[in-house]
Every structure is written in C-alpha cells, then in structure tokens.
Amino acid sequence: MAERVRVRRLTDQEGQRLRRGSTSSVRYRRAMMLLASAGGNRVPVIAQLVQADEDTVRDVIHRFNEIGLACLDPRWAGGRPRLLSTDDEDFVVQTATTRPVKLGQPFTRWSLRKLAAYLRKVHGRTIRVGREALRRLLARRGVTFQRTKTWKESPDPDREAKLDRIEEVLDRFPDRVFAFDEFGPLGIRPTAGSGWAGQGHPDRVPATYHRTHGVRYFHGCYSVGSDTLWGINRRKKGAVNTLAALKSIRAARPDGAPIYVIMDNLSAHKGSGIRRWAGKNRTRSSCASPRPTPLG
C-alpha cells in the first residue's frame, strides 16, 4: 500500500505564516493545501476543496516537505534572462536582512530606494537594480517589509513526544479522539480611526469595555471523527465543569471502547476526582503540560 502523502509537522512560525494569508491567489491556494493536509485531510479532499488537480496538491506537499515555505512561490518560466547571478541575489538578500547601522549607514531600516543606492556603490561589488525589480527579487526570496513582532513557543521539553503521541492516536483511532478546552472572553481592542476634533483634544476610546454582568466560559468538546462541536457556557472554570464535559464526551461513545481526550495542562483538568473517573471509564488524556499527566 502506497504511503499517504501529507505535510511534515509545521513549526509555530510556519503555521502563523500560512494562516496569515496572501494577496496572491496562487500563494493563498497553496497555503490552503498545506493547512488542509496538516489538519489530516487526504489529497482527494484537498483537491476538491481548492478546485485543483490531485497531482498539483501532491507536488505542493512534496515541495513543502523539501524546501519549506518557498514552495508557495510559483516557478514561472520564460521571459528576459536574469541580470543578476545567484551570488548577487544572495548578497542582496543578506544586505536587506542586515541592519543598516551594522553596515555603516546612518539610518535604522532600509527603504527600497536606500537599499538600491547602497547596492550600486558597495565596495568590491556593483549591483544595479531598480526599485521594483528589487522588491520582486526580495519577495521571491521570502523577504518582505514588516514590523518586528514577538512570539511564544512551548518550553515543554517533552513537546515533540506528546505531539507524536497525539498524531499516533489521530492516525490509528480518529473516531475515538476528542478535544476539550474552555474559551473565555476576548479583550476588545478598538482600532483607532480619524475624525475632526478640537485641537489638543482627540477622541479617546478605551482599550477594553467594562464587563458589568460578569463573564462566561464556553466549555467546548470536539469530536475529531465526526467533526462535531458541542458545549455549554459556564460562569467559571473548575474541575466540576471539566468532569461534566468529559462525561458528555464519554457518552458520545457509549460502547465502552477506550477514548482519548486532547486538552491543555490547566489545573482544573487534572483533579483527583477527574483522574478517578477517567480510570473507571477507560479515558486517557494527552496533556500539553511540563510533565506527562496521563489519565487512567
């Protein structure tokens, strides 16, 4: 039996880049193919989803596994021969991703005009390229103008082992895998606009709104096999509410076969009462916690 075609495990940065979308229809469709494959969908389903040929989907997945996000850019053929060598392009990318102050320039970030001017007069190498050609070159090599951002990654030393465990049960027992989590209130951050106001007295909008009636948490349960979501709103998190959700998950498979629940390491998910109940009802947990905490 031929091996199933699917993308390798995405890193956090790759997942963020793919979900961010693109103004290019080609890049957007290819990102959808990769995300769908990472979600466990097979090639025929993905091809129907994006209205593409199955061989095209397989090619994109194989290319991603080989070269990463560079596979999102199509390889156009024909046209005028390139004026820059591969070494020149590498030097342009290296220069663009280096802070100007490190190269002796009296500014903190490159614009296309400043970068093109610097490349024309750099010592030992002369690269003549227009601003639009420079922008397209950088875009083709995955370099775009963007604000500096921060991100967080899991510090769990057992992260890969837990992901392997989750992937194993998803592949072997998809009809017995469930996910559980709580969804709390969102922080509402209005986008600042513009308008007429008295000088020195701009209109001010609060960063969030008062929650005069308290908050609610949606306790959501998701069946991977049947693609079904259900849940209930509660006033707070707690082991009692978690246990009620786990019982509803167990009831979804009344045949008594083992089930697997994917959830995080919140203390309300690991109470002694939950562990006792899980041991009696053939329920196991894949917890994303600093230490493995199997239930049952």
Protein backbone atom coordinates (compact mmCIF):
# COMPACT_ATOMS: atom_id res chain seq x y z
CA MET A 1 0.00 0.00 0.00
CA ALA A 2 1.41 3.39 -1.03
CA GLU A 3 2.43 5.74 1.76
CA ARG A 4 -0.03 8.53 2.46
CA VAL A 5 1.01 11.94 1.11
CA ARG A 6 0.89 14.61 3.84
CA VAL A 7 2.92 17.59 5.02
CA ARG A 8 5.53 17.22 7.72
CA ARG A 9 4.79 18.72 11.13
CA LEU A 10 4.50 22.52 10.89
CA THR A 11 6.57 24.75 13.14
CA ASP A 12 4.84 27.56 15.03
CA GLN A 13 6.25 30.17 12.63
CA GLU A 14 5.20 28.19 9.55
CA GLY A 15 1.68 27.81 10.90
CA GLN A 16 1.42 31.54 11.56
CA ARG A 17 2.72 32.40 8.07
CA LEU A 18 0.28 30.04 6.37
CA ARG A 19 -2.73 31.33 8.33
CA ARG A 20 -1.80 34.94 7.65
CA GLY A 21 -2.95 34.64 4.03
CA SER A 22 -1.67 36.45 0.95
CA THR A 23 -2.86 38.85 -1.72
CA SER A 24 -1.59 36.39 -4.33
CA SER A 25 -4.25 33.85 -5.29
CA VAL A 26 -1.58 31.26 -6.08
CA ARG A 27 0.11 31.60 -2.68
CA TYR A 28 -3.27 31.61 -0.91
CA ARG A 29 -4.41 28.36 -2.59
CA ARG A 30 -1.12 26.64 -1.86
CA ALA A 31 -1.28 27.73 1.79
CA MET A 32 -4.80 26.26 1.97
CA MET A 33 -3.48 22.96 0.59
CA LEU A 34 -0.78 22.78 3.25
CA LEU A 35 -3.07 23.74 6.13
CA ALA A 36 -5.68 21.22 5.00
CA SER A 37 -3.05 18.49 4.81
CA ALA A 38 -1.71 19.43 8.26
CA GLY A 39 -5.27 19.10 9.54
CA GLY A 40 -5.33 15.45 8.46
CA ASN A 41 -7.24 15.76 5.17
CA ARG A 42 -6.30 13.46 2.31
CA VAL A 43 -5.25 14.59 -1.15
CA PRO A 44 -8.62 13.97 -2.93
CA VAL A 45 -10.46 16.01 -0.29
CA ILE A 46 -7.93 18.86 -0.53
CA ALA A 47 -8.11 18.85 -4.34
CA GLN A 48 -11.89 19.21 -4.18
CA LEU A 49 -11.61 21.94 -1.55
CA VAL A 50 -9.27 24.19 -3.57
CA GLN A 51 -10.55 23.10 -7.01
CA ALA A 52 -7.17 21.80 -8.13
CA ASP A 53 -5.78 18.63 -9.67
CA GLU A 54 -4.71 15.93 -7.21
CA ASP A 55 -1.22 15.79 -8.76
CA THR A 56 -0.86 19.53 -8.15
CA VAL A 57 -1.74 19.05 -4.47
CA ARG A 58 0.80 16.23 -4.15
CA ASP A 59 3.50 18.34 -5.85
CA VAL A 60 2.91 21.26 -3.46
CA ILE A 61 3.05 18.97 -0.41
CA HIS A 62 6.25 17.29 -1.60
CA ARG A 63 7.84 20.68 -2.38
CA PHE A 64 6.95 21.99 1.09
CA ASN A 65 8.50 18.93 2.73
CA GLU A 66 11.68 19.59 0.71
CA ILE A 67 12.10 23.39 0.77
CA GLY A 68 9.55 24.73 3.24
CA LEU A 69 7.53 27.92 2.65
CA ALA A 70 9.47 28.71 -0.53
CA CYS A 71 7.10 26.28 -2.24
CA LEU A 72 4.34 28.92 -2.05
CA ASP A 73 6.01 30.91 -4.84
CA PRO A 74 5.35 29.54 -8.34
CA ARG A 75 8.29 28.86 -10.61
CA TRP A 76 7.49 31.00 -13.65
CA ALA A 77 9.33 30.13 -16.85
CA GLY A 78 10.31 32.25 -19.85
CA GLY A 79 10.88 35.99 -20.02
CA ARG A 80 14.02 38.08 -20.17
CA PRO A 81 17.23 36.46 -18.81
CA ARG A 82 18.20 37.46 -15.30
CA LEU A 83 20.76 40.23 -14.99
CA LEU A 84 21.82 39.17 -11.51
CA SER A 85 23.62 35.94 -10.70
CA THR A 86 22.59 33.68 -7.86
CA ASP A 87 25.53 35.01 -5.81
CA ASP A 88 24.36 38.58 -6.44
CA GLU A 89 20.83 37.71 -5.31
CA ASP A 90 22.19 36.06 -2.17
CA PHE A 91 24.19 39.20 -1.43
CA VAL A 92 21.09 41.39 -1.93
CA VAL A 93 19.06 39.25 0.48
CA GLN A 94 21.87 39.24 3.04
CA THR A 95 22.18 43.02 2.82
CA ALA A 96 18.42 43.63 3.07
CA THR A 97 18.16 41.47 6.21
CA THR A 98 21.12 43.19 7.90
CA ARG A 99 20.52 46.34 9.95
CA PRO A 100 21.90 49.38 8.09
CA VAL A 101 23.82 50.61 11.13
CA LYS A 102 25.91 47.45 11.04
CA LEU A 103 26.97 48.38 7.50
CA GLY A 104 27.92 51.93 8.46
CA GLN A 105 24.73 53.59 7.22
CA PRO A 106 23.22 56.49 9.23
CA PHE A 107 19.65 55.11 9.42
CA THR A 108 17.86 52.27 11.18
CA ARG A 109 16.00 50.49 8.36
CA TRP A 110 16.20 50.06 4.62
CA SER A 111 13.79 51.51 2.13
CA LEU A 112 13.90 50.20 -1.43
CA ARG A 113 15.46 53.48 -2.60
CA LYS A 114 18.18 53.42 0.06
CA LEU A 115 18.91 49.73 -0.47
CA ALA A 116 19.19 50.12 -4.25
CA ALA A 117 21.51 53.12 -3.82
CA TYR A 118 23.71 51.22 -1.36
CA LEU A 119 23.98 48.20 -3.67
CA ARG A 120 25.18 50.41 -6.55
CA LYS A 121 28.14 51.73 -4.57
CA VAL A 122 29.05 48.89 -2.17
CA HIS A 123 32.80 48.30 -2.06
CA GLY A 124 34.04 45.41 -4.19
CA ARG A 125 30.70 44.72 -5.90
CA THR A 126 28.35 46.76 -8.05
CA ILE A 127 24.73 45.66 -8.34
CA ARG A 128 22.45 47.80 -10.47
CA VAL A 129 18.81 47.01 -9.91
CA GLY A 130 15.66 49.13 -10.00
CA ARG A 131 13.35 49.50 -7.04
CA GLU A 132 10.54 47.39 -8.50
CA ALA A 133 12.93 44.64 -9.59
CA LEU A 134 14.48 44.77 -6.12
CA ARG A 135 11.09 44.44 -4.44
CA ARG A 136 10.18 41.46 -6.62
CA LEU A 137 13.53 39.80 -6.01
CA LEU A 138 13.11 40.10 -2.24
CA ALA A 139 9.52 38.86 -2.42
CA ARG A 140 10.62 35.87 -4.47
CA ARG A 141 13.19 35.03 -1.81
CA GLY A 142 10.65 35.37 1.01
CA VAL A 143 11.79 38.80 2.30
CA THR A 144 9.11 41.47 2.83
CA PHE A 145 8.93 44.78 4.69
CA GLN A 146 7.24 44.18 8.03
CA ARG A 147 7.12 45.31 11.63
CA THR A 148 9.14 43.48 14.27
CA LYS A 149 6.95 41.06 16.22
CA THR A 150 7.31 38.72 19.15
CA TRP A 151 6.02 35.20 19.66
CA LYS A 152 5.97 32.46 22.24
CA GLU A 153 6.91 28.84 21.85
CA SER A 154 6.20 25.98 24.20
CA PRO A 155 9.02 25.50 26.74
CA ASP A 156 7.90 21.91 27.35
CA PRO A 157 10.94 19.59 26.87
CA ASP A 158 8.55 16.72 26.09
CA ARG A 159 6.65 18.67 23.44
CA GLU A 160 7.74 16.52 20.48
CA ALA A 161 6.98 13.26 22.32
CA LYS A 162 3.49 14.49 23.19
CA LEU A 163 2.84 15.62 19.62
CA ASP A 164 3.96 12.18 18.42
CA ARG A 165 1.50 10.61 20.84
CA ILE A 166 -1.32 12.83 19.62
CA GLU A 167 -0.55 12.11 15.97
CA GLU A 168 -0.46 8.39 16.69
CA VAL A 169 -3.97 8.28 18.16
CA LEU A 170 -5.26 10.59 15.42
CA ASP A 171 -3.95 8.20 12.77
CA ARG A 172 -4.95 4.96 14.50
CA PHE A 173 -8.19 5.85 16.29
CA PRO A 174 -9.68 9.03 14.75
CA ASP A 175 -13.21 8.02 15.78
CA ARG A 176 -12.14 7.80 19.42
CA VAL A 177 -10.26 11.11 19.67
CA PHE A 178 -11.84 14.20 21.22
CA ALA A 179 -10.58 17.66 22.17
CA PHE A 180 -11.68 19.80 25.12
CA ASP A 181 -10.96 23.38 26.15
CA GLU A 182 -12.54 26.48 27.64
CA PHE A 183 -12.97 29.69 25.67
CA GLY A 184 -13.15 32.84 27.75
CA PRO A 185 -13.99 36.48 26.99
CA LEU A 186 -12.00 38.29 24.32
CA GLY A 187 -10.18 41.52 25.06
CA ILE A 188 -11.84 44.09 22.83
CA ARG A 189 -9.30 46.49 21.36
CA PRO A 190 -10.87 49.06 19.05
CA THR A 191 -8.88 50.26 16.06
CA ALA A 192 -8.03 53.96 16.24
CA GLY A 193 -9.63 55.92 13.43
CA SER A 194 -9.60 59.60 12.49
CA GLY A 195 -12.06 62.47 12.61
CA TRP A 196 -12.49 66.16 13.36
CA ALA A 197 -11.92 67.27 16.95
CA GLY A 198 -10.81 70.33 18.88
CA GLN A 199 -7.08 70.99 18.79
CA GLY A 200 -5.31 69.04 21.53
CA HIS A 201 -8.47 67.12 22.42
CA PRO A 202 -8.59 63.95 20.30
CA ASP A 203 -11.40 61.50 20.73
CA ARG A 204 -10.29 58.73 23.08
CA VAL A 205 -11.58 55.17 23.04
CA PRO A 206 -10.98 52.77 25.96
CA ALA A 207 -8.76 49.79 25.24
CA THR A 208 -11.44 47.44 26.53
CA TYR A 209 -15.01 47.60 27.78
CA HIS A 210 -16.45 47.11 31.25
CA ARG A 211 -18.00 43.69 31.80
CA THR A 212 -20.83 44.76 34.06
CA HIS A 213 -22.56 41.35 34.03
CA GLY A 214 -19.52 39.14 34.62
CA VAL A 215 -18.03 36.77 32.10
CA ARG A 216 -18.82 33.33 30.71
CA TYR A 217 -16.59 30.47 29.59
CA PHE A 218 -17.62 28.21 26.76
CA HIS A 219 -16.68 24.62 27.66
CA GLY A 220 -16.30 23.11 24.21
CA CYS A 221 -15.98 19.44 23.23
CA TYR A 222 -14.96 18.44 19.71
CA SER A 223 -15.20 15.00 18.12
CA VAL A 224 -12.41 14.56 15.57
CA GLY A 225 -14.00 11.56 13.91
CA SER A 226 -17.46 13.05 13.33
CA ASP A 227 -16.27 16.70 13.05
CA THR A 228 -18.84 17.73 15.67
CA LEU A 229 -18.58 20.52 18.25
CA TRP A 230 -20.78 20.86 21.31
CA GLY A 231 -20.54 22.61 24.67
CA ILE A 232 -22.13 24.82 27.29
CA ASN A 233 -21.50 28.26 28.80
CA ARG A 234 -20.39 28.35 32.44
CA ARG A 235 -19.72 31.20 34.85
CA LYS A 236 -16.25 29.90 35.72
CA LYS A 237 -13.72 27.19 35.08
CA GLY A 238 -13.35 24.34 37.53
CA ALA A 239 -12.83 20.62 37.96
CA VAL A 240 -16.60 20.07 38.35
CA ASN A 241 -17.33 21.65 34.97
CA THR A 242 -14.42 19.82 33.36
CA LEU A 243 -15.69 16.50 34.66
CA ALA A 244 -19.18 17.24 33.31
CA ALA A 245 -17.68 17.93 29.87
CA LEU A 246 -15.62 14.71 29.97
CA LYS A 247 -18.73 12.74 30.89
CA SER A 248 -20.52 14.17 27.84
CA ILE A 249 -17.55 13.09 25.71
CA ARG A 250 -17.67 9.59 27.20
CA ALA A 251 -21.41 9.47 26.48
CA ALA A 252 -20.68 10.20 22.82
CA ARG A 253 -19.01 6.75 22.67
CA PRO A 254 -21.30 4.60 24.84
CA ASP A 255 -19.80 1.36 23.54
CA GLY A 256 -17.20 1.40 26.32
CA ALA A 257 -14.23 1.43 23.92
CA PRO A 258 -11.21 3.49 25.03
CA ILE A 259 -11.31 7.19 24.15
CA TYR A 260 -8.55 9.81 24.00
CA VAL A 261 -9.03 13.44 25.01
CA ILE A 262 -6.63 16.20 23.94
CA MET A 263 -6.51 19.14 26.37
CA ASP A 264 -4.04 21.52 28.00
CA ASN A 265 -2.44 21.43 31.45
CA LEU A 266 -4.89 23.68 33.31
CA SER A 267 -5.13 22.59 36.95
CA ALA A 268 -8.92 22.26 36.57
CA HIS A 269 -8.27 19.47 34.06
CA LYS A 270 -6.24 17.27 36.43
CA GLY A 271 -8.16 17.00 39.70
CA SER A 272 -8.17 13.77 41.71
CA GLY A 273 -11.87 13.26 41.04
CA ILE A 274 -11.25 13.55 37.30
CA ARG A 275 -8.44 11.02 37.48
CA ARG A 276 -10.55 8.51 39.40
CA TRP A 277 -13.43 8.89 36.97
CA ALA A 278 -11.10 8.56 33.96
CA GLY A 279 -9.58 5.37 35.34
CA LYS A 280 -13.02 3.80 35.72
CA ASN A 281 -14.27 4.89 32.29
CA ARG A 282 -11.31 4.00 30.03
CA THR A 283 -10.47 7.62 29.25
CA ARG A 284 -6.92 8.75 28.56
CA SER A 285 -5.60 12.27 28.15
CA SER A 286 -2.85 13.75 26.00
CA CYS A 287 -2.00 16.79 28.11
CA ALA A 288 0.25 19.61 26.89
CA SER A 289 1.92 20.08 30.26
CA PRO A 290 5.53 20.36 31.53
CA ARG A 291 5.23 16.72 32.67
CA PRO A 292 3.17 13.92 31.14
CA THR A 293 -0.07 13.55 33.07
CA PRO A 294 -1.94 10.54 31.65
CA LEU A 295 -5.41 9.93 32.93
CA GLY A 296 -6.42 6.37 33.62
